[in-house]
C-alpha atoms as a PDB file:
ATOM      1  CA  MET A   1     -44.413  -2.388  25.786  1.00  0.00           C
ATOM      2  CA  ASP A   2     -40.973  -0.249  26.671  1.00  0.00           C
ATOM      3  CA  THR A   3     -41.943   3.166  27.214  1.00  0.00           C
ATOM      4  CA  LEU A   4     -38.560   5.067  25.971  1.00  0.00           C
ATOM      5  CA  SER A   5     -38.545   2.835  23.222  1.00  0.00           C
ATOM      6  CA  SER A   6     -42.407   3.970  21.912  1.00  0.00           C
ATOM      7  CA  ILE A   7     -41.447   7.910  22.730  1.00  0.00           C
ATOM      8  CA  LYS A   8     -38.041   7.138  20.491  1.00  0.00           C
ATOM      9  CA  ALA A   9     -40.160   5.491  18.008  1.00  0.00           C
ATOM     10  CA  PHE A  10     -42.602   7.879  18.274  1.00  0.00           C
ATOM     11  CA  ARG A  11     -39.883  11.162  17.775  1.00  0.00           C
ATOM     12  CA  GLN A  12     -38.595   8.983  14.859  1.00  0.00           C
ATOM     13  CA  VAL A  13     -41.095   8.149  12.448  1.00  0.00           C
ATOM     14  CA  VAL A  14     -41.919  12.861  13.208  1.00  0.00           C
ATOM     15  CA  GLU A  15     -38.798  13.629  12.153  1.00  0.00           C
ATOM     16  CA  SER A  16     -38.375  11.071   9.687  1.00  0.00           C
ATOM     17  CA  GLY A  17     -41.728  11.150   7.660  1.00  0.00           C
ATOM     18  CA  SER A  18     -43.112   8.378   6.979  1.00  0.00           C
ATOM     19  CA  PHE A  19     -43.381   4.651   9.861  1.00  0.00           C
ATOM     20  CA  VAL A  20     -40.816   2.895   7.217  1.00  0.00           C
ATOM     21  CA  ALA A  21     -38.115   5.665   6.762  1.00  0.00           C
ATOM     22  CA  ALA A  22     -38.391   5.391  10.848  1.00  0.00           C
ATOM     23  CA  ALA A  23     -38.037   1.415  10.673  1.00  0.00           C
ATOM     24  CA  GLU A  24     -35.336   1.109   8.795  1.00  0.00           C
ATOM     25  CA  ARG A  25     -33.765   3.516  10.777  1.00  0.00           C
ATOM     26  CA  LEU A  26     -33.712   2.206  14.231  1.00  0.00           C
ATOM     27  CA  ASP A  27     -33.188  -0.990  12.107  1.00  0.00           C
ATOM     28  CA  ILE A  28     -36.889  -2.857  13.434  1.00  0.00           C
ATOM     29  CA  SER A  29     -39.722  -3.772  11.437  1.00  0.00           C
ATOM     30  CA  THR A  30     -42.334  -1.227   9.966  1.00  0.00           C
ATOM     31  CA  ALA A  31     -44.998  -2.869  12.452  1.00  0.00           C
ATOM     32  CA  MET A  32     -43.008  -2.853  15.546  1.00  0.00           C
ATOM     33  CA  VAL A  33     -42.713   1.045  15.035  1.00  0.00           C
ATOM     34  CA  SER A  34     -46.558   1.377  14.519  1.00  0.00           C
ATOM     35  CA  LYS A  35     -47.550  -0.967  17.274  1.00  0.00           C
ATOM     36  CA  ARG A  36     -44.835   1.364  19.969  1.00  0.00           C
ATOM     37  CA  VAL A  37     -46.589   4.458  18.563  1.00  0.00           C
ATOM     38  CA  MET A  38     -50.189   2.766  18.493  1.00  0.00           C
ATOM     39  CA  GLN A  39     -49.098   1.627  22.716  1.00  0.00           C
ATOM     40  CA  ILE A  40     -48.327   5.595  23.441  1.00  0.00           C
ATOM     41  CA  GLU A  41     -51.952   6.852  22.069  1.00  0.00           C
ATOM     42  CA  GLN A  42     -53.789   4.020  24.142  1.00  0.00           C
ATOM     43  CA  ARG A  43     -51.657   5.002  26.690  1.00  0.00           C
ATOM     44  CA  LEU A  44     -52.687   8.849  26.920  1.00  0.00           C
ATOM     45  CA  GLY A  45     -56.382   8.083  25.460  1.00  0.00           C
ATOM     46  CA  VAL A  46     -55.046  10.808  22.635  1.00  0.00           C
ATOM     47  CA  ARG A  47     -54.337  10.380  18.646  1.00  0.00           C
ATOM     48  CA  LEU A  48     -50.948  11.919  18.119  1.00  0.00           C
ATOM     49  CA  LEU A  49     -50.781  12.162  14.433  1.00  0.00           C
ATOM     50  CA  ASN A  50     -52.965  11.777  11.869  1.00  0.00           C
ATOM     51  CA  ARG A  51     -52.137   9.650   8.720  1.00  0.00           C
ATOM     52  CA  ASN A  52     -53.468   8.710   5.622  1.00  0.00           C
ATOM     53  CA  THR A  53     -52.219   6.877   2.846  1.00  0.00           C
ATOM     54  CA  ARG A  54     -49.663  10.396   1.351  1.00  0.00           C
ATOM     55  CA  ARG A  55     -49.239  11.790   4.518  1.00  0.00           C
ATOM     56  CA  LEU A  56     -48.427  12.265   8.209  1.00  0.00           C
ATOM     57  CA  SER A  57     -49.061  15.010  10.203  1.00  0.00           C
ATOM     58  CA  LEU A  58     -48.976  16.434  14.059  1.00  0.00           C
ATOM     59  CA  THR A  59     -52.180  16.322  16.411  1.00  0.00           C
ATOM     60  CA  GLU A  60     -52.124  19.666  18.627  1.00  0.00           C
ATOM     61  CA  PRO A  61     -51.300  16.815  21.692  1.00  0.00           C
ATOM     62  CA  GLY A  62     -49.203  15.399  18.961  1.00  0.00           C
ATOM     63  CA  ARG A  63     -47.176  18.293  18.625  1.00  0.00           C
ATOM     64  CA  LEU A  64     -46.779  18.970  22.366  1.00  0.00           C
ATOM     65  CA  TYR A  65     -45.991  15.053  23.562  1.00  0.00           C
ATOM     66  CA  PHE A  66     -43.536  15.568  20.303  1.00  0.00           C
ATOM     67  CA  GLU A  67     -41.370  18.506  22.033  1.00  0.00           C
ATOM     68  CA  ARG A  68     -41.770  17.607  25.673  1.00  0.00           C
ATOM     69  CA  CYS A  69     -40.647  14.259  25.239  1.00  0.00           C
ATOM     70  CA  GLY A  70     -37.074  15.826  23.022  1.00  0.00           C
ATOM     71  CA  VAL A  71     -36.536  17.583  26.693  1.00  0.00           C
ATOM     72  CA  ILE A  72     -36.810  14.599  28.225  1.00  0.00           C
ATOM     73  CA  LEU A  73     -34.360  12.383  25.820  1.00  0.00           C
ATOM     74  CA  GLU A  74     -31.874  15.056  25.530  1.00  0.00           C
ATOM     75  CA  GLU A  75     -31.545  15.109  29.169  1.00  0.00           C
ATOM     76  CA  LEU A  76     -31.464  11.295  29.544  1.00  0.00           C
ATOM     77  CA  GLN A  77     -28.552  11.453  26.684  1.00  0.00           C
ATOM     78  CA  SER A  78     -26.953  13.870  28.301  1.00  0.00           C
ATOM     79  CA  THR A  79     -27.029  12.030  31.686  1.00  0.00           C
ATOM     80  CA  GLU A  80     -25.918   8.669  29.941  1.00  0.00           C
ATOM     81  CA  LEU A  81     -23.039  10.637  28.585  1.00  0.00           C
ATOM     82  CA  GLU A  82     -21.641  12.046  31.488  1.00  0.00           C
ATOM     83  CA  LEU A  83     -22.251   8.875  33.662  1.00  0.00           C
ATOM     84  CA  GLY A  84     -20.630   7.012  30.679  1.00  0.00           C
ATOM     85  CA  SER A  85     -17.099   9.388  30.382  1.00  0.00           C
ATOM     86  CA  LEU A  86     -16.209   8.064  33.893  1.00  0.00           C
ATOM     87  CA  GLY A  87     -16.178   4.761  33.209  1.00  0.00           C
ATOM     88  CA  CYS A  88     -12.775   3.000  31.875  1.00  0.00           C
ATOM     89  CA  THR A  89     -14.149   0.829  28.906  1.00  0.00           C
ATOM     90  CA  PRO A  90     -14.927   1.769  25.966  1.00  0.00           C
ATOM     91  CA  ARG A  91     -18.128   0.190  24.649  1.00  0.00           C
ATOM     92  CA  GLY A  92     -21.512   0.728  22.426  1.00  0.00           C
ATOM     93  CA  THR A  93     -21.661   1.054  18.614  1.00  0.00           C
ATOM     94  CA  LEU A  94     -19.810   3.501  16.383  1.00  0.00           C
ATOM     95  CA  ARG A  95     -21.848   4.639  13.657  1.00  0.00           C
ATOM     96  CA  ILE A  96     -19.108   6.560  10.550  1.00  0.00           C
ATOM     97  CA  THR A  97     -19.539   7.147   7.508  1.00  0.00           C
ATOM     98  CA  SER A  98     -16.645   7.933   5.283  1.00  0.00           C
ATOM     99  CA  PRO A  99     -15.878   8.330   1.323  1.00  0.00           C
ATOM    100  CA  SER A 100     -16.339   5.612  -0.404  1.00  0.00           C
ATOM    101  CA  PHE A 101     -12.566   5.346  -1.694  1.00  0.00           C
ATOM    102  CA  THR A 102     -11.612   4.502   1.728  1.00  0.00           C
ATOM    103  CA  ALA A 103     -13.204   1.237   1.691  1.00  0.00           C
ATOM    104  CA  SER A 104     -10.217  -0.457  -0.240  1.00  0.00           C
ATOM    105  CA  GLY A 105      -7.778   1.600   1.423  1.00  0.00           C
ATOM    106  CA  GLN A 106      -5.895   1.487   4.837  1.00  0.00           C
ATOM    107  CA  LEU A 107      -8.959   2.271   6.774  1.00  0.00           C
ATOM    108  CA  PRO A 108     -10.367  -1.006   6.337  1.00  0.00           C
ATOM    109  CA  ARG A 109      -7.069  -2.227   8.434  1.00  0.00           C
ATOM    110  CA  LEU A 110      -7.359   0.422  11.122  1.00  0.00           C
ATOM    111  CA  LEU A 111     -10.737  -0.505  11.655  1.00  0.00           C
ATOM    112  CA  ALA A 112     -10.117  -4.188  12.104  1.00  0.00           C
ATOM    113  CA  GLU A 113      -7.091  -2.521  14.652  1.00  0.00           C
ATOM    114  CA  TYR A 114      -9.177  -0.523  16.396  1.00  0.00           C
ATOM    115  CA  GLY A 115     -11.797  -3.058  16.964  1.00  0.00           C
ATOM    116  CA  CYS A 116      -8.814  -5.653  19.043  1.00  0.00           C
ATOM    117  CA  ARG A 117      -7.844  -2.418  21.197  1.00  0.00           C
ATOM    118  CA  TYR A 118     -11.552  -1.919  22.337  1.00  0.00           C
ATOM    119  CA  PRO A 119     -13.225  -5.367  21.455  1.00  0.00           C
ATOM    120  CA  GLU A 120     -16.236  -3.915  22.957  1.00  0.00           C
ATOM    121  CA  VAL A 121     -17.208  -1.249  20.095  1.00  0.00           C
ATOM    122  CA  LEU A 122     -18.439  -2.794  17.038  1.00  0.00           C
ATOM    123  CA  VAL A 123     -17.570  -0.281  14.559  1.00  0.00           C
ATOM    124  CA  ASP A 124     -20.722  -0.012  11.331  1.00  0.00           C
ATOM    125  CA  VAL A 125     -19.129   2.178   8.708  1.00  0.00           C
ATOM    126  CA  SER A 126     -20.902   3.240   5.898  1.00  0.00           C
ATOM    127  CA  PHE A 127     -19.138   3.757   2.595  1.00  0.00           C
ATOM    128  CA  GLU A 128     -20.371   6.975   0.522  1.00  0.00           C
ATOM    129  CA  ASP A 129     -20.203   9.843  -1.361  1.00  0.00           C
ATOM    130  CA  ARG A 130     -23.009  11.534   0.087  1.00  0.00           C
ATOM    131  CA  PHE A 131     -22.174  13.910   2.703  1.00  0.00           C
ATOM    132  CA  ALA A 132     -24.445  13.008   5.238  1.00  0.00           C
ATOM    133  CA  ASP A 133     -26.043  14.578   7.763  1.00  0.00           C
ATOM    134  CA  LEU A 134     -24.440  13.867  11.389  1.00  0.00           C
ATOM    135  CA  VAL A 135     -27.841  14.398  13.805  1.00  0.00           C
ATOM    136  CA  GLU A 136     -30.143  13.677  11.766  1.00  0.00           C
ATOM    137  CA  GLU A 137     -28.981  10.163  10.690  1.00  0.00           C
ATOM    138  CA  GLY A 138     -27.367   8.774  13.951  1.00  0.00           C
ATOM    139  CA  TYR A 139     -23.539   9.085  12.674  1.00  0.00           C
ATOM    140  CA  ASP A 140     -20.916   9.460  15.631  1.00  0.00           C
ATOM    141  CA  ILE A 141     -18.136  10.852  13.111  1.00  0.00           C
ATOM    142  CA  ALA A 142     -17.642  11.272   9.440  1.00  0.00           C
ATOM    143  CA  LEU A 143     -14.497  11.052   7.118  1.00  0.00           C
ATOM    144  CA  ARG A 144     -14.783  14.390   4.783  1.00  0.00           C
ATOM    145  CA  ILE A 145     -12.224  15.026   1.923  1.00  0.00           C
ATOM    146  CA  VAL A 146     -13.349  18.234   1.120  1.00  0.00           C
ATOM    147  CA  ARG A 147     -11.742  22.099  -0.444  1.00  0.00           C
ATOM    148  CA  GLY A 148     -12.150  23.431   2.354  1.00  0.00           C
ATOM    149  CA  ALA A 149     -13.597  23.765   5.979  1.00  0.00           C
ATOM    150  CA  GLU A 150     -15.500  25.978   4.621  1.00  0.00           C
ATOM    151  CA  SER A 151     -17.614  23.144   2.629  1.00  0.00           C
ATOM    152  CA  LEU A 152     -18.209  21.981   5.532  1.00  0.00           C
ATOM    153  CA  PRO A 153     -21.883  22.366   7.816  1.00  0.00           C
ATOM    154  CA  GLN A 154     -22.009  24.783  10.634  1.00  0.00           C
ATOM    155  CA  GLY A 155     -22.111  23.712  14.097  1.00  0.00           C
ATOM    156  CA  LEU A 156     -19.402  20.710  13.769  1.00  0.00           C
ATOM    157  CA  ILE A 157     -16.346  20.009  14.841  1.00  0.00           C
ATOM    158  CA  ALA A 158     -13.532  19.332  12.523  1.00  0.00           C
ATOM    159  CA  CYS A 159      -9.822  18.224  12.846  1.00  0.00           C
ATOM    160  CA  PRO A 160      -8.158  18.342   9.340  1.00  0.00           C
ATOM    161  CA  MET A 161      -6.504  15.203   9.235  1.00  0.00           C
ATOM    162  CA  ARG A 162      -3.930  15.723   6.350  1.00  0.00           C
ATOM    163  CA  ARG A 163      -3.776  16.994   2.895  1.00  0.00           C
ATOM    164  CA  THR A 164      -4.210  15.015  -0.403  1.00  0.00           C
ATOM    165  CA  MET A 165      -4.136  15.790  -4.526  1.00  0.00           C
ATOM    166  CA  ILE A 166      -6.076  14.860  -6.504  1.00  0.00           C
ATOM    167  CA  TYR A 167      -4.316  12.985 -10.023  1.00  0.00           C
ATOM    168  CA  LEU A 168      -5.062  11.481 -13.032  1.00  0.00           C
ATOM    169  CA  ALA A 169      -4.374   7.530 -13.165  1.00  0.00           C
ATOM    170  CA  ALA A 170      -4.186   4.605 -15.441  1.00  0.00           C
ATOM    171  CA  SER A 171      -2.916   0.914 -15.323  1.00  0.00           C
ATOM    172  CA  ARG A 172       0.388   0.076 -16.956  1.00  0.00           C
ATOM    173  CA  ASP A 173      -1.776  -2.223 -18.753  1.00  0.00           C
ATOM    174  CA  TYR A 174      -3.003   0.841 -20.196  1.00  0.00           C
ATOM    175  CA  VAL A 175      -0.485   2.797 -21.042  1.00  0.00           C
ATOM    176  CA  SER A 176       1.822  -0.024 -22.868  1.00  0.00           C
ATOM    177  CA  ARG A 177      -1.611  -0.385 -25.008  1.00  0.00           C
ATOM    178  CA  ARG A 178      -2.101   3.548 -25.827  1.00  0.00           C
ATOM    179  CA  GLY A 179       0.731   5.094 -24.881  1.00  0.00           C
ATOM    180  CA  VAL A 180       1.409   8.372 -21.925  1.00  0.00           C
ATOM    181  CA  PRO A 181      -0.393  11.167 -22.578  1.00  0.00           C
ATOM    182  CA  ARG A 182       2.229  14.272 -22.611  1.00  0.00           C
ATOM    183  CA  SER A 183       0.285  16.881 -22.492  1.00  0.00           C
ATOM    184  CA  LEU A 184      -3.795  17.836 -21.120  1.00  0.00           C
ATOM    185  CA  THR A 185      -4.923  18.213 -24.630  1.00  0.00           C
ATOM    186  CA  ASP A 186      -3.665  14.841 -25.275  1.00  0.00           C
ATOM    187  CA  LEU A 187      -7.246  13.152 -23.127  1.00  0.00           C
ATOM    188  CA  ALA A 188      -8.972  14.141 -26.059  1.00  0.00           C
ATOM    189  CA  THR A 189      -7.311  10.758 -28.125  1.00  0.00           C
ATOM    190  CA  HIS A 190      -7.434   8.253 -24.457  1.00  0.00           C
ATOM    191  CA  ASP A 191     -10.591   7.173 -23.376  1.00  0.00           C
ATOM    192  CA  PHE A 192     -11.843   8.381 -19.851  1.00  0.00           C
ATOM    193  CA  ILE A 193     -13.302   7.295 -16.834  1.00  0.00           C
ATOM    194  CA  ALA A 194     -15.799  10.064 -15.544  1.00  0.00           C
ATOM    195  CA  VAL A 195     -16.495  10.712 -12.093  1.00  0.00           C
ATOM    196  CA  ALA A 196     -20.538  12.695 -12.422  1.00  0.00           C
ATOM    197  CA  ASN A 197     -19.350  15.900 -14.626  1.00  0.00           C
ATOM    198  CA  LEU A 198     -16.147  17.126 -16.123  1.00  0.00           C
ATOM    199  CA  ASN A 199     -16.198  20.168 -13.721  1.00  0.00           C
ATOM    200  CA  TYR A 200     -12.954  19.482 -12.653  1.00  0.00           C
ATOM    201  CA  LEU A 201     -11.201  18.670 -15.693  1.00  0.00           C
ATOM    202  CA  PRO A 202      -9.285  21.926 -16.842  1.00  0.00           C
ATOM    203  CA  PRO A 203     -10.746  23.730 -19.947  1.00  0.00           C
ATOM    204  CA  ALA A 204      -7.974  22.178 -21.958  1.00  0.00           C
ATOM    205  CA  ALA A 205      -8.973  18.439 -21.051  1.00  0.00           C
ATOM    206  CA  ARG A 206     -12.465  19.055 -21.298  1.00  0.00           C
ATOM    207  CA  SER A 207     -13.307  16.834 -24.268  1.00  0.00           C
ATOM    208  CA  PRO A 208     -12.085  13.276 -24.158  1.00  0.00           C
ATOM    209  CA  ARG A 209     -13.848  10.739 -24.722  1.00  0.00           C
ATOM    210  CA  ILE A 210     -15.849   9.359 -21.930  1.00  0.00           C
ATOM    211  CA  ALA A 211     -15.400   5.562 -22.059  1.00  0.00           C
ATOM    212  CA  LEU A 212     -17.041   5.292 -18.379  1.00  0.00           C
ATOM    213  CA  ARG A 213     -19.544   7.443 -16.363  1.00  0.00           C
ATOM    214  CA  TYR A 214     -19.375   7.293 -12.440  1.00  0.00           C
ATOM    215  CA  ARG A 215     -21.889   8.987 -10.031  1.00  0.00           C
ATOM    216  CA  SER A 216     -19.752   8.605  -7.396  1.00  0.00           C
ATOM    217  CA  SER A 217     -16.157   7.250  -6.246  1.00  0.00           C
ATOM    218  CA  GLY A 218     -16.771   4.035  -5.602  1.00  0.00           C
ATOM    219  CA  GLY A 219     -15.043   1.463  -8.175  1.00  0.00           C
ATOM    220  CA  VAL A 220     -13.367   4.464  -9.749  1.00  0.00           C
ATOM    221  CA  ALA A 221      -9.874   3.099  -9.040  1.00  0.00           C
ATOM    222  CA  SER A 222     -10.648  -1.103 -10.034  1.00  0.00           C
ATOM    223  CA  ALA A 223     -12.198   0.655 -13.202  1.00  0.00           C
ATOM    224  CA  ILE A 224      -9.113   2.156 -14.088  1.00  0.00           C
ATOM    225  CA  ALA A 225      -6.923  -0.512 -12.651  1.00  0.00           C
ATOM    226  CA  ALA A 226      -9.134  -2.636 -15.278  1.00  0.00           C
ATOM    227  CA  GLY A 227      -7.558  -1.323 -18.351  1.00  0.00           C
ATOM    228  CA  ILE A 228     -10.560   0.592 -19.215  1.00  0.00           C
ATOM    229  CA  GLY A 229      -8.966   3.986 -19.451  1.00  0.00           C
ATOM    230  CA  ILE A 230      -7.664   6.919 -17.513  1.00  0.00           C
ATOM    231  CA  GLY A 231      -9.799   8.565 -14.561  1.00  0.00           C
ATOM    232  CA  PRO A 232      -8.887  11.178 -11.206  1.00  0.00           C
ATOM    233  CA  VAL A 233      -8.078   9.734  -7.758  1.00  0.00           C
ATOM    234  CA  PRO A 234      -6.994  10.968  -4.742  1.00  0.00           C
ATOM    235  CA  GLU A 235      -2.607  10.224  -3.823  1.00  0.00           C
ATOM    236  CA  LEU A 236      -3.985   8.239  -1.784  1.00  0.00           C
ATOM    237  CA  ILE A 237      -4.963   5.163  -3.843  1.00  0.00           C
ATOM    238  CA  PHE A 238      -1.703   5.198  -5.210  1.00  0.00           C
ATOM    239  CA  GLU A 239      -0.133   3.357  -1.985  1.00  0.00           C
ATOM    240  CA  ASP A 240      -3.202   1.288  -1.615  1.00  0.00           C
ATOM    241  CA  PRO A 241      -2.444  -2.374  -1.591  1.00  0.00           C
ATOM    242  CA  ALA A 242      -4.490  -3.483  -4.307  1.00  0.00           C
ATOM    243  CA  PHE A 243      -3.364  -0.875  -6.946  1.00  0.00           C
ATOM    244  CA  ARG A 244       0.310   0.267  -5.893  1.00  0.00           C
ATOM    245  CA  ASP A 245       1.383  -2.058  -8.412  1.00  0.00           C
ATOM    246  CA  THR A 246      -0.355  -1.851 -11.097  1.00  0.00           C
ATOM    247  CA  LEU A 247      -1.934   2.236 -11.172  1.00  0.00           C
ATOM    248  CA  ILE A 248       0.826   4.681 -12.838  1.00  0.00           C
ATOM    249  CA  PRO A 249       0.171   8.326 -12.006  1.00  0.00           C
ATOM    250  CA  ILE A 250      -0.417  10.337 -15.307  1.00  0.00           C
ATOM    251  CA  LEU A 251       0.445  14.538 -15.986  1.00  0.00           C
ATOM    252  CA  PRO A 252       1.694  14.574 -12.783  1.00  0.00           C
ATOM    253  CA  GLU A 253       2.092  18.368 -12.949  1.00  0.00           C
ATOM    254  CA  CYS A 254      -1.030  18.761 -13.442  1.00  0.00           C
ATOM    255  CA  PRO A 255      -2.761  17.777  -9.826  1.00  0.00           C
ATOM    256  CA  LEU A 256      -6.411  18.075 -10.787  1.00  0.00           C
ATOM    257  CA  GLN A 257      -7.379  19.296  -6.583  1.00  0.00           C
ATOM    258  CA  GLU A 258      -6.020  19.808  -3.339  1.00  0.00           C
ATOM    259  CA  ALA A 259      -8.000  18.349  -0.936  1.00  0.00           C
ATOM    260  CA  THR A 260      -7.813  18.146   2.184  1.00  0.00           C
ATOM    261  CA  LEU A 261      -9.332  14.965   4.311  1.00  0.00           C
ATOM    262  CA  TYR A 262     -11.136  16.091   7.799  1.00  0.00           C
ATOM    263  CA  LEU A 263     -12.501  13.880  10.925  1.00  0.00           C
ATOM    264  CA  VAL A 264     -15.925  15.357  11.830  1.00  0.00           C
ATOM    265  CA  TYR A 265     -18.191  14.466  14.602  1.00  0.00           C
ATOM    266  CA  VAL A 266     -20.791  16.280  16.738  1.00  0.00           C
ATOM    267  CA  SER A 267     -19.593  18.117  19.546  1.00  0.00           C
ATOM    268  CA  ARG A 268     -17.108  17.947  22.177  1.00  0.00           C
ATOM    269  CA  LYS A 269     -19.784  18.502  24.941  1.00  0.00           C
ATOM    270  CA  PHE A 270     -20.498  15.152  27.314  1.00  0.00           C
ATOM    271  CA  LEU A 271     -18.112  13.103  24.539  1.00  0.00           C
ATOM    272  CA  PRO A 272     -18.481   9.232  25.123  1.00  0.00           C
ATOM    273  CA  LEU A 273     -15.660   6.827  25.210  1.00  0.00           C
ATOM    274  CA  LYS A 274     -15.926   5.136  21.561  1.00  0.00           C
ATOM    275  CA  ILE A 275     -15.995   8.352  20.002  1.00  0.00           C
ATOM    276  CA  ARG A 276     -13.177  10.184  22.448  1.00  0.00           C
ATOM    277  CA  THR A 277     -10.851   6.865  21.919  1.00  0.00           C
ATOM    278  CA  PHE A 278     -11.832   6.703  17.839  1.00  0.00           C
ATOM    279  CA  LEU A 279     -10.813  10.118  17.464  1.00  0.00           C
ATOM    280  CA  ASP A 280      -7.678   9.203  19.375  1.00  0.00           C
ATOM    281  CA  PHE A 281      -6.774   6.591  17.834  1.00  0.00           C
ATOM    282  CA  LEU A 282      -7.128   7.436  14.018  1.00  0.00           C
ATOM    283  CA  LEU A 283      -5.323  10.960  14.839  1.00  0.00           C
ATOM    284  CA  GLU A 284      -2.576   8.589  16.469  1.00  0.00           C
ATOM    285  CA  SER A 285      -2.406   6.379  13.135  1.00  0.00           C
ATOM    286  CA  VAL A 286      -2.144   9.177  10.895  1.00  0.00           C
ATOM    287  CA  SER A 287       0.876  11.182  13.144  1.00  0.00           C
ATOM    288  CA  LEU A 288       2.986   7.294  13.339  1.00  0.00           C
ATOM    289  CA  GLY A 289       2.118   7.370   9.656  1.00  0.00           C
ATOM    290  CA  ARG A 290       0.027   4.101  10.313  1.00  0.00           C
ATOM    291  CA  GLY A 291      -2.578   5.168   8.002  1.00  0.00           C
ATOM    292  CA  SER A 292      -1.816   6.219   4.400  1.00  0.00           C
ATOM    293  CA  PRO A 293       1.423   8.589   3.873  1.00  0.00           C
ATOM    294  CA  ILE A 294       0.796  11.843   1.588  1.00  0.00           C
ATOM    295  CA  ALA A 295       2.577  10.912  -1.830  1.00  0.00           C
ATOM    296  CA  ARG A 296       2.906  12.844  -4.207  1.00  0.00           C
ATOM    297  CA  PRO A 297       3.148  10.901  -7.690  1.00  0.00           C
ATOM    298  CA  ALA A 298       6.801  11.569  -8.898  1.00  0.00           C
ATOM    299  CA  ALA A 299       7.094  12.782 -12.561  1.00  0.00           C
ATOM    300  CA  HIS A 300      10.093  10.504 -14.065  1.00  0.00           C
ATOM    301  CA  GLN A 301       9.425   7.469 -12.596  1.00  0.00           C
ATOM    302  CA  GLY A 302       5.522   7.147 -11.922  1.00  0.00           C
ATOM    303  CA  GLY A 303       6.011   6.135  -8.400  1.00  0.00           C
ATOM    304  CA  LEU A 304       5.949   8.292  -5.501  1.00  0.00           C
ATOM    305  CA  ARG A 305       7.697  10.686  -3.551  1.00  0.00           C
ATOM    306  CA  LYS A 306       8.706  10.439  -0.081  1.00  0.00           C
ATOM    307  CA  PRO A 307       5.329  10.643   2.565  1.00  0.00           C
ATOM    308  CA  LEU A 308       5.040  14.180   4.135  1.00  0.00           C
ATOM    309  CA  MET A 309       3.204  13.482   7.430  1.00  0.00           C
ATOM    310  CA  GLY A 310      -0.350  14.573   8.013  1.00  0.00           C
ATOM    311  CA  SER A 311      -1.689  18.098   8.649  1.00  0.00           C
ATOM    312  CA  THR A 312      -0.688  20.082  11.055  1.00  0.00           C
ATOM    313  CA  ASP A 313      -2.976  22.915  11.439  1.00  0.00           C
ATOM    314  CA  PRO A 314      -4.841  23.617  14.271  1.00  0.00           C
ATOM    315  CA  GLU A 315      -8.713  22.201  15.185  1.00  0.00           C
ATOM    316  CA  PHE A 316     -11.227  23.779  13.127  1.00  0.00           C
ATOM    317  CA  GLU A 317     -14.846  24.641  14.032  1.00  0.00           C
ATOM    318  CA  SER A 318     -17.327  26.301  12.395  1.00  0.00           C
ATOM    319  CA  GLY A 319     -19.412  28.477  13.498  1.00  0.00           C
ATOM    320  CA  PRO A 320     -21.697  31.131  12.877  1.00  0.00           C
ATOM    321  CA  GLY A 321     -20.258  34.522  11.863  1.00  0.00           C
ATOM    322  CA  PRO A 322     -18.522  35.785   8.253  1.00  0.00           C
ATOM    323  CA  ARG A 323     -17.392  32.729   6.150  1.00  0.00           C
ATOM    324  CA  PRO A 324     -16.164  32.364   2.566  1.00  0.00           C
ATOM    325  CA  ALA A 325     -18.859  31.182   0.419  1.00  0.00           C
ATOM    326  CA  PRO A 326     -18.672  27.244   0.563  1.00  0.00           C
ATOM    327  CA  ASP A 327     -16.588  25.415  -3.117  1.00  0.00           C
ATOM    328  CA  ARG A 328     -20.066  23.753  -4.005  1.00  0.00           C
ATOM    329  CA  SER A 329     -18.211  22.458  -7.243  1.00  0.00           C
ATOM    330  CA  PRO A 330     -18.184  18.506  -7.636  1.00  0.00           C
ATOM    331  CA  ALA A 331     -16.072  16.523  -5.774  1.00  0.00           C
ATOM    332  CA  ILE A 332     -14.388  13.851  -7.378  1.00  0.00           C
ATOM    333  CA  VAL A 333     -13.715  11.608  -4.401  1.00  0.00           C
END
């Protein structure tokens, strides 16, 4: 049995809290995880874990082994990254987490373009609205859309890619049947597609008839396009080929929120080529306008104004020290 794989399995069991969770993160069977941990115990002649039906706990030898192995693995990873950065060909699996609304936009096309440019990199992307822990869950890069960088966890490197506004939208079919709201108070007479609660709506607009509620932003644009009702979307959706001819902005003079899309990663130290090349590629794509442009819906024609290019804000690194209180209001994208 490979000693290094066994050590990684043991540490993952401890960090995850169960054999099942460790197996999911390592993408192997639970039986294989158990076998690798038992192999270590048999080789060392000590019990590392106390097991029962409800929980796991480290024995004293297990705690010592866990700590020492952590140091060894960190040193090994640093060495591999340092040596790998000397190579000229990026390779390996690049794990990305991104908001669900990006699944149907320009990002899949950009991922395909990156894959053609760097065929030895396997991009493994999860479209989800929760803030995944990059370190604990093994992600290399995250796309995050928040009101401000202070909302991001400390200790991460965050590159602002572009600013975006959140607008109300409806399908052309819905507007032809129900008309266009002329004010926020008019929303009370319309069907509404909600994302979580309605705290993101101005007080004058918090009494619409909720026809459908989503717990995440994924699928909201599709529900709006189906004519179910009016709902919130990021302005980037209006440039998505899937919705460009279907959705129109509602009350564009009353945007709901302003947010920034950040490209987030853990550390600049020994940055693997697969991460460095993807960061450079995505930022280059934004600067050249190959990604979704920032476009603010125009009020007079239901179209889009001339795109503004990506944010020129300096790279932001969160860290210790005084910071504004994070904005914990519900995200609607």
